[in-house]
Amino acid sequence: MGRITTAIGVVVLAMTLGGCATGTDGRNGASGTAGANTPATANLTADARIHFAPIIGAPENAVTPLSSRLQQTATRYGLTVVPQKESDSYNLTGYFSAFTDGGNTSVIYVWDVQDTSGNRLHRIQGRENTPAGAAEGWSSVSAETMETIADQTLEELTTWLSQNQA
């Protein structure tokens, strides 16, 4: 019964978030609403200031290694993480879900990159699989898995930022 409930939750999350997408840019299913030549993206720079909103859907024990890795690694990418939204920062809102099926746990993640007005400029999404072992769901997700997601998120974000520079 627990797996069915989790699977239904993942499907509902995917349908809800998928309905928000307005276009696809062809890279790993990421989608966004602004094109490379629009004024909203023309001002992006490699030294962008970013704010991470509270993560939705993941427990604290999964969010802690994710947040630490994002903070530690952002500067290597030339990004400045700010503690709150600022007039010149981009807001990243993360939606997470984990489910176990067939001995593996999958973490599904979606990040919406928004401007200061709340307009979505880009979407980063992915799936990270890990062996479940004896545990299920979030209890089987390691810190290393969350750190891998952080690395993939920053790689995708900086790639998008560099492609949308003026």
C-alpha atoms as a PDB file:
ATOM      1  CA  MET A   1       0.000   0.000   0.000  1.00  0.00           C
ATOM      2  CA  GLY A   2       2.852   2.430   0.843  1.00  0.00           C
ATOM      3  CA  ARG A   3       4.465   2.017  -2.582  1.00  0.00           C
ATOM      4  CA  ILE A   4       1.175   2.681  -4.344  1.00  0.00           C
ATOM      5  CA  THR A   5       0.610   5.849  -2.305  1.00  0.00           C
ATOM      6  CA  THR A   6       4.163   7.029  -3.009  1.00  0.00           C
ATOM      7  CA  ALA A   7       3.837   6.245  -6.718  1.00  0.00           C
ATOM      8  CA  ILE A   8       0.559   8.150  -6.894  1.00  0.00           C
ATOM      9  CA  GLY A   9       2.202  11.105  -5.113  1.00  0.00           C
ATOM     10  CA  VAL A  10       5.074  11.109  -7.610  1.00  0.00           C
ATOM     11  CA  VAL A  11       2.677  10.992 -10.559  1.00  0.00           C
ATOM     12  CA  VAL A  12       0.614  13.859  -9.127  1.00  0.00           C
ATOM     13  CA  LEU A  13       3.794  15.892  -8.474  1.00  0.00           C
ATOM     14  CA  ALA A  14       5.050  15.225 -12.003  1.00  0.00           C
ATOM     15  CA  MET A  15       1.695  16.127 -13.545  1.00  0.00           C
ATOM     16  CA  THR A  16       1.429  19.304 -11.477  1.00  0.00           C
ATOM     17  CA  LEU A  17       4.943  20.465 -12.244  1.00  0.00           C
ATOM     18  CA  GLY A  18       4.834  19.249 -15.822  1.00  0.00           C
ATOM     19  CA  GLY A  19       1.762  21.359 -16.417  1.00  0.00           C
ATOM     20  CA  CYS A  20       3.829  24.433 -15.541  1.00  0.00           C
ATOM     21  CA  ALA A  21       6.270  23.880 -18.409  1.00  0.00           C
ATOM     22  CA  THR A  22       5.774  25.972 -21.514  1.00  0.00           C
ATOM     23  CA  GLY A  23       8.669  24.806 -23.638  1.00  0.00           C
ATOM     24  CA  THR A  24      11.565  22.408 -23.821  1.00  0.00           C
ATOM     25  CA  ASP A  25      15.108  23.320 -24.636  1.00  0.00           C
ATOM     26  CA  GLY A  26      16.162  19.752 -25.509  1.00  0.00           C
ATOM     27  CA  ARG A  27      18.698  19.209 -22.700  1.00  0.00           C
ATOM     28  CA  ASN A  28      17.805  16.521 -20.173  1.00  0.00           C
ATOM     29  CA  GLY A  29      14.150  17.498 -20.283  1.00  0.00           C
ATOM     30  CA  ALA A  30      14.832  20.956 -18.874  1.00  0.00           C
ATOM     31  CA  SER A  31      12.393  23.573 -19.969  1.00  0.00           C
ATOM     32  CA  GLY A  32      11.965  27.289 -19.620  1.00  0.00           C
ATOM     33  CA  THR A  33       9.801  30.155 -20.685  1.00  0.00           C
ATOM     34  CA  ALA A  34      12.320  32.721 -21.889  1.00  0.00           C
ATOM     35  CA  GLY A  35      14.430  32.498 -25.004  1.00  0.00           C
ATOM     36  CA  ALA A  36      18.111  33.331 -25.275  1.00  0.00           C
ATOM     37  CA  ASN A  37      17.454  36.712 -26.898  1.00  0.00           C
ATOM     38  CA  THR A  38      14.785  38.036 -24.572  1.00  0.00           C
ATOM     39  CA  PRO A  39      15.502  40.973 -22.258  1.00  0.00           C
ATOM     40  CA  ALA A  40      14.868  38.770 -19.185  1.00  0.00           C
ATOM     41  CA  THR A  41      17.853  36.582 -19.997  1.00  0.00           C
ATOM     42  CA  ALA A  42      20.071  39.099 -21.759  1.00  0.00           C
ATOM     43  CA  ASN A  43      21.325  40.473 -18.432  1.00  0.00           C
ATOM     44  CA  LEU A  44      22.521  37.143 -16.987  1.00  0.00           C
ATOM     45  CA  THR A  45      26.180  36.935 -16.086  1.00  0.00           C
ATOM     46  CA  ALA A  46      28.532  34.183 -14.935  1.00  0.00           C
ATOM     47  CA  ASP A  47      28.787  35.864 -11.516  1.00  0.00           C
ATOM     48  CA  ALA A  48      25.051  35.655 -10.893  1.00  0.00           C
ATOM     49  CA  ARG A  49      23.595  36.051  -7.443  1.00  0.00           C
ATOM     50  CA  ILE A  50      21.275  33.206  -6.510  1.00  0.00           C
ATOM     51  CA  HIS A  51      18.916  32.463  -3.651  1.00  0.00           C
ATOM     52  CA  PHE A  52      17.699  28.968  -2.816  1.00  0.00           C
ATOM     53  CA  ALA A  53      14.143  28.960  -1.492  1.00  0.00           C
ATOM     54  CA  PRO A  54      13.243  26.273   1.065  1.00  0.00           C
ATOM     55  CA  ILE A  55      13.149  22.812  -0.549  1.00  0.00           C
ATOM     56  CA  ILE A  56       9.699  21.297  -0.967  1.00  0.00           C
ATOM     57  CA  GLY A  57       9.133  17.560  -0.454  1.00  0.00           C
ATOM     58  CA  ALA A  58      12.423  16.385   1.067  1.00  0.00           C
ATOM     59  CA  PRO A  59      13.103  15.781   4.776  1.00  0.00           C
ATOM     60  CA  GLU A  60      15.740  17.740   6.662  1.00  0.00           C
ATOM     61  CA  ASN A  61      18.220  14.841   6.684  1.00  0.00           C
ATOM     62  CA  ALA A  62      18.210  14.901   2.864  1.00  0.00           C
ATOM     63  CA  VAL A  63      18.148  18.685   2.518  1.00  0.00           C
ATOM     64  CA  THR A  64      21.159  19.262   4.800  1.00  0.00           C
ATOM     65  CA  PRO A  65      23.816  17.628   2.565  1.00  0.00           C
ATOM     66  CA  LEU A  66      22.157  19.112  -0.543  1.00  0.00           C
ATOM     67  CA  SER A  67      22.222  22.642   0.906  1.00  0.00           C
ATOM     68  CA  SER A  68      25.779  22.298   2.171  1.00  0.00           C
ATOM     69  CA  ARG A  69      27.041  21.113  -1.203  1.00  0.00           C
ATOM     70  CA  LEU A  70      25.167  23.844  -3.086  1.00  0.00           C
ATOM     71  CA  GLN A  71      26.653  26.510  -0.813  1.00  0.00           C
ATOM     72  CA  GLN A  72      30.204  25.080  -0.936  1.00  0.00           C
ATOM     73  CA  THR A  73      30.281  24.467  -4.667  1.00  0.00           C
ATOM     74  CA  ALA A  74      28.510  27.576  -5.980  1.00  0.00           C
ATOM     75  CA  THR A  75      31.604  29.759  -5.666  1.00  0.00           C
ATOM     76  CA  ARG A  76      33.594  27.373  -7.882  1.00  0.00           C
ATOM     77  CA  TYR A  77      31.060  28.151 -10.584  1.00  0.00           C
ATOM     78  CA  GLY A  78      31.328  31.904 -10.033  1.00  0.00           C
ATOM     79  CA  LEU A  79      27.963  32.105  -8.300  1.00  0.00           C
ATOM     80  CA  THR A  80      27.164  34.055  -5.165  1.00  0.00           C
ATOM     81  CA  VAL A  81      24.552  32.503  -2.882  1.00  0.00           C
ATOM     82  CA  VAL A  82      22.524  35.110  -1.009  1.00  0.00           C
ATOM     83  CA  PRO A  83      20.472  34.303   2.107  1.00  0.00           C
ATOM     84  CA  GLN A  84      17.331  36.011   0.868  1.00  0.00           C
ATOM     85  CA  LYS A  85      15.884  37.242  -2.393  1.00  0.00           C
ATOM     86  CA  GLU A  86      17.518  40.441  -3.514  1.00  0.00           C
ATOM     87  CA  SER A  87      16.737  42.823  -6.353  1.00  0.00           C
ATOM     88  CA  ASP A  88      19.508  41.354  -8.518  1.00  0.00           C
ATOM     89  CA  SER A  89      19.286  37.676  -7.567  1.00  0.00           C
ATOM     90  CA  TYR A  90      17.683  34.646  -9.159  1.00  0.00           C
ATOM     91  CA  ASN A  91      15.447  32.519  -6.968  1.00  0.00           C
ATOM     92  CA  LEU A  92      15.676  28.717  -7.219  1.00  0.00           C
ATOM     93  CA  THR A  93      12.753  26.731  -5.865  1.00  0.00           C
ATOM     94  CA  GLY A  94      13.322  22.984  -5.559  1.00  0.00           C
ATOM     95  CA  TYR A  95      10.675  20.256  -5.557  1.00  0.00           C
ATOM     96  CA  PHE A  96      11.748  16.765  -4.528  1.00  0.00           C
ATOM     97  CA  SER A  97      10.225  13.301  -4.264  1.00  0.00           C
ATOM     98  CA  ALA A  98      11.679   9.870  -3.515  1.00  0.00           C
ATOM     99  CA  PHE A  99      10.173   6.458  -4.139  1.00  0.00           C
ATOM    100  CA  THR A 100      11.423   2.888  -3.983  1.00  0.00           C
ATOM    101  CA  ASP A 101      10.652   0.296  -6.617  1.00  0.00           C
ATOM    102  CA  GLY A 102      12.419  -2.949  -7.468  1.00  0.00           C
ATOM    103  CA  GLY A 103      15.248  -2.520  -4.982  1.00  0.00           C
ATOM    104  CA  ASN A 104      16.166   0.993  -6.138  1.00  0.00           C
ATOM    105  CA  THR A 105      15.158   4.376  -4.818  1.00  0.00           C
ATOM    106  CA  SER A 106      14.678   7.223  -7.260  1.00  0.00           C
ATOM    107  CA  VAL A 107      14.928  10.861  -6.260  1.00  0.00           C
ATOM    108  CA  ILE A 108      13.025  13.059  -8.677  1.00  0.00           C
ATOM    109  CA  TYR A 109      13.932  16.734  -8.562  1.00  0.00           C
ATOM    110  CA  VAL A 110      12.783  19.901 -10.264  1.00  0.00           C
ATOM    111  CA  TRP A 111      14.258  23.382  -9.824  1.00  0.00           C
ATOM    112  CA  ASP A 112      12.491  26.460 -11.117  1.00  0.00           C
ATOM    113  CA  VAL A 113      14.823  29.397 -11.785  1.00  0.00           C
ATOM    114  CA  GLN A 114      12.869  32.613 -11.352  1.00  0.00           C
ATOM    115  CA  ASP A 115      13.619  36.281 -11.738  1.00  0.00           C
ATOM    116  CA  THR A 116      12.918  38.735  -8.935  1.00  0.00           C
ATOM    117  CA  SER A 117       9.313  39.129 -10.116  1.00  0.00           C
ATOM    118  CA  GLY A 118       8.701  35.391  -9.830  1.00  0.00           C
ATOM    119  CA  ASN A 119       8.705  34.694 -13.576  1.00  0.00           C
ATOM    120  CA  ARG A 120      10.138  31.297 -14.384  1.00  0.00           C
ATOM    121  CA  LEU A 121      13.113  31.671 -16.701  1.00  0.00           C
ATOM    122  CA  HIS A 122      14.329  28.076 -16.723  1.00  0.00           C
ATOM    123  CA  ARG A 123      13.565  24.639 -15.324  1.00  0.00           C
ATOM    124  CA  ILE A 124      16.125  22.061 -14.236  1.00  0.00           C
ATOM    125  CA  GLN A 125      14.883  18.548 -13.640  1.00  0.00           C
ATOM    126  CA  GLY A 126      16.341  15.133 -13.178  1.00  0.00           C
ATOM    127  CA  ARG A 127      16.286  11.762 -11.537  1.00  0.00           C
ATOM    128  CA  GLU A 128      18.990  10.156  -9.427  1.00  0.00           C
ATOM    129  CA  ASN A 129      18.788   6.433  -8.663  1.00  0.00           C
ATOM    130  CA  THR A 130      20.395   4.666  -5.719  1.00  0.00           C
ATOM    131  CA  PRO A 131      20.172   1.116  -4.334  1.00  0.00           C
ATOM    132  CA  ALA A 132      17.475   0.939  -1.668  1.00  0.00           C
ATOM    133  CA  GLY A 133      18.938  -1.819   0.500  1.00  0.00           C
ATOM    134  CA  ALA A 134      16.617  -2.618   3.405  1.00  0.00           C
ATOM    135  CA  ALA A 135      15.175   0.906   3.591  1.00  0.00           C
ATOM    136  CA  GLU A 136      12.575   2.588   1.423  1.00  0.00           C
ATOM    137  CA  GLY A 137      11.926   6.131   0.249  1.00  0.00           C
ATOM    138  CA  TRP A 138      13.899   8.964   1.801  1.00  0.00           C
ATOM    139  CA  SER A 139      15.446   6.728   4.461  1.00  0.00           C
ATOM    140  CA  SER A 140      17.416   4.964   1.712  1.00  0.00           C
ATOM    141  CA  VAL A 141      18.786   8.167   0.145  1.00  0.00           C
ATOM    142  CA  SER A 142      22.394   8.863   1.100  1.00  0.00           C
ATOM    143  CA  ALA A 143      24.121  12.195   1.590  1.00  0.00           C
ATOM    144  CA  GLU A 144      26.274  11.339  -1.458  1.00  0.00           C
ATOM    145  CA  THR A 145      23.154  11.032  -3.623  1.00  0.00           C
ATOM    146  CA  MET A 146      21.987  14.480  -2.546  1.00  0.00           C
ATOM    147  CA  GLU A 147      25.462  15.916  -3.159  1.00  0.00           C
ATOM    148  CA  THR A 148      25.398  14.449  -6.681  1.00  0.00           C
ATOM    149  CA  ILE A 149      22.069  16.201  -7.272  1.00  0.00           C
ATOM    150  CA  ALA A 150      23.589  19.474  -6.030  1.00  0.00           C
ATOM    151  CA  ASP A 151      26.515  19.092  -8.448  1.00  0.00           C
ATOM    152  CA  GLN A 152      24.199  18.314 -11.369  1.00  0.00           C
ATOM    153  CA  THR A 153      21.983  21.269 -10.468  1.00  0.00           C
ATOM    154  CA  LEU A 154      24.858  23.753 -10.415  1.00  0.00           C
ATOM    155  CA  GLU A 155      26.325  22.340 -13.637  1.00  0.00           C
ATOM    156  CA  GLU A 156      22.983  22.738 -15.416  1.00  0.00           C
ATOM    157  CA  LEU A 157      22.415  26.198 -13.946  1.00  0.00           C
ATOM    158  CA  THR A 158      25.819  27.551 -14.942  1.00  0.00           C
ATOM    159  CA  THR A 159      25.530  26.049 -18.413  1.00  0.00           C
ATOM    160  CA  TRP A 160      22.207  27.797 -18.853  1.00  0.00           C
ATOM    161  CA  LEU A 161      23.554  31.070 -17.442  1.00  0.00           C
ATOM    162  CA  SER A 162      26.563  31.018 -19.779  1.00  0.00           C
ATOM    163  CA  GLN A 163      24.354  30.357 -22.811  1.00  0.00           C
ATOM    164  CA  ASN A 164      22.141  33.288 -21.908  1.00  0.00           C
ATOM    165  CA  GLN A 165      24.777  35.947 -21.313  1.00  0.00           C
ATOM    166  CA  ALA A 166      24.539  39.217 -23.189  1.00  0.00           C
END
